[in-house]
Protein backbone atom coordinates (compact mmCIF):
# COMPACT_ATOMS: atom_id res chain seq x y z
CA ALA A 1 -0.09 -0.04 0.02
CA GLN A 2 3.04 2.21 0.79
CA LEU A 3 4.16 1.92 -2.76
CA GLY A 4 0.94 2.51 -4.38
CA VAL A 5 0.45 -1.29 -5.42
CA LYS A 6 -2.83 -2.98 -5.31
CA PRO A 7 -2.67 -6.62 -4.93
CA PRO A 8 -5.08 -8.54 -7.05
CA ASP A 9 -8.61 -9.34 -6.11
CA SER A 10 -8.40 -12.91 -7.45
CA PRO A 11 -6.06 -15.44 -8.84
CA SER A 12 -4.83 -14.75 -12.69
CA LYS A 13 -6.14 -16.65 -15.23
CA LYS A 14 -2.79 -18.70 -15.77
CA ASP A 15 -3.13 -19.50 -11.87
CA LYS A 16 -6.75 -20.65 -12.20
CA GLU A 17 -5.63 -23.11 -14.98
CA LEU A 18 -2.84 -24.39 -13.10
CA TYR A 19 -5.35 -25.05 -10.11
CA SER A 20 -7.81 -26.61 -12.64
CA LYS A 21 -5.00 -28.79 -14.23
CA LEU A 22 -3.42 -29.84 -10.50
CA GLN A 23 -7.23 -30.57 -9.28
CA GLY A 24 -7.59 -33.52 -11.60
CA LEU A 25 -4.37 -35.27 -10.16
CA SER A 26 -3.44 -37.17 -7.23
CA GLY A 27 -0.18 -38.88 -5.97
CA LYS A 28 3.03 -39.26 -7.62
CA GLU A 29 1.52 -37.47 -10.77
CA PHE A 30 0.06 -34.29 -8.68
CA ASP A 31 3.73 -34.03 -6.90
CA ASN A 32 5.51 -34.07 -10.30
CA ALA A 33 3.08 -31.72 -11.72
CA TYR A 34 3.33 -29.22 -8.61
CA ILE A 35 6.99 -29.32 -8.85
CA VAL A 36 7.39 -28.53 -12.03
CA ALA A 37 4.82 -25.64 -11.87
CA MET A 38 6.79 -24.28 -8.96
CA VAL A 39 10.33 -24.40 -10.68
CA LYS A 40 8.73 -22.37 -13.73
CA ASP A 41 6.78 -19.93 -11.50
CA HIS A 42 9.87 -19.49 -9.23
CA LYS A 43 12.16 -18.90 -12.31
CA GLN A 44 9.68 -16.32 -13.69
CA ASP A 45 9.07 -14.71 -10.49
CA SER A 46 13.22 -14.34 -10.12
CA ASP A 47 13.62 -12.92 -13.35
CA ASP A 48 10.79 -10.16 -12.98
CA PHE A 49 11.83 -9.23 -9.37
CA LYS A 50 15.25 -8.83 -10.85
CA MET A 51 14.20 -6.70 -13.71
CA GLU A 52 12.21 -4.70 -11.43
CA ALA A 53 15.14 -4.02 -9.16
CA GLN A 54 17.22 -2.77 -12.22
CA GLN A 55 14.61 -0.61 -14.32
CA SER A 56 12.50 1.05 -11.05
CA GLN A 57 13.17 4.57 -10.45
CA ASN A 58 11.61 4.50 -7.10
CA PRO A 59 14.06 3.56 -4.40
CA ALA A 60 11.59 1.89 -2.04
CA VAL A 61 10.55 -0.44 -5.24
CA GLN A 62 13.94 -1.01 -6.07
CA GLN A 63 15.02 -2.40 -2.30
CA ALA A 64 11.65 -4.17 -2.19
CA ALA A 65 12.53 -5.69 -5.31
CA GLN A 66 16.24 -6.76 -4.29
CA GLN A 67 14.86 -8.22 -1.02
CA GLY A 68 12.22 -10.17 -2.65
CA SER A 69 14.48 -11.73 -5.25
CA GLN A 70 17.01 -12.89 -2.65
CA VAL A 71 14.21 -14.73 -1.06
CA ILE A 72 12.67 -16.10 -4.24
CA ASP A 73 16.48 -17.48 -5.25
CA GLN A 74 16.33 -19.25 -1.88
CA HIS A 75 13.15 -20.60 -2.42
CA LEU A 76 14.01 -21.61 -6.34
CA GLN A 77 17.22 -23.26 -5.23
CA MET A 78 15.04 -25.46 -2.90
CA ILE A 79 12.46 -26.35 -5.44
CA ASP A 80 15.36 -27.09 -8.00
CA GLN A 81 16.75 -29.52 -5.67
CA ILE A 82 13.25 -31.21 -5.16
CA ALA A 83 12.79 -31.41 -8.84
CA GLU A 84 16.17 -33.14 -9.15
CA SER A 85 15.74 -35.54 -6.50
CA HIS A 86 12.57 -36.60 -8.28
CA ASN A 87 14.36 -36.93 -11.44
CA LEU A 88 12.54 -33.94 -12.95
CA MET A 89 15.48 -31.99 -13.48
CA ASN A 90 18.97 -32.74 -15.17
CA SER A 91 21.99 -31.60 -13.31
CA LYS A 92 22.32 -28.76 -15.79
CA GLY A 93 19.18 -26.96 -14.30
CA LYS A 94 17.06 -28.29 -17.03
CA LEU A 95 13.73 -29.68 -16.70
CA THR A 96 13.06 -32.95 -18.10
CA ALA A 97 9.42 -33.08 -17.49
CA SER A 98 6.49 -30.67 -18.31
CA LEU A 99 2.78 -29.84 -17.10
CA LYS A 100 0.57 -31.84 -19.06
């Protein structure tokens, strides 16, 4: 609110579609699809936060984006490790599975 940013009122279309896909899965299929989705989501969020930290003219936004980027990168590292342990990612960090 201090930065003039209004949170969304509801999930995005993309998030609703993911929710629907995941709802129809269970067990290992659900786990794998969720892991793949989280890897992709965290990578996108990381890129978005880093871009905002570099491009914003507002020092408060830059600082918030830098701090957020650090947290997201930690989470990305964790989900990458989980994906690799589930054989969904190779040792070079590339997903070997996709959402169906």
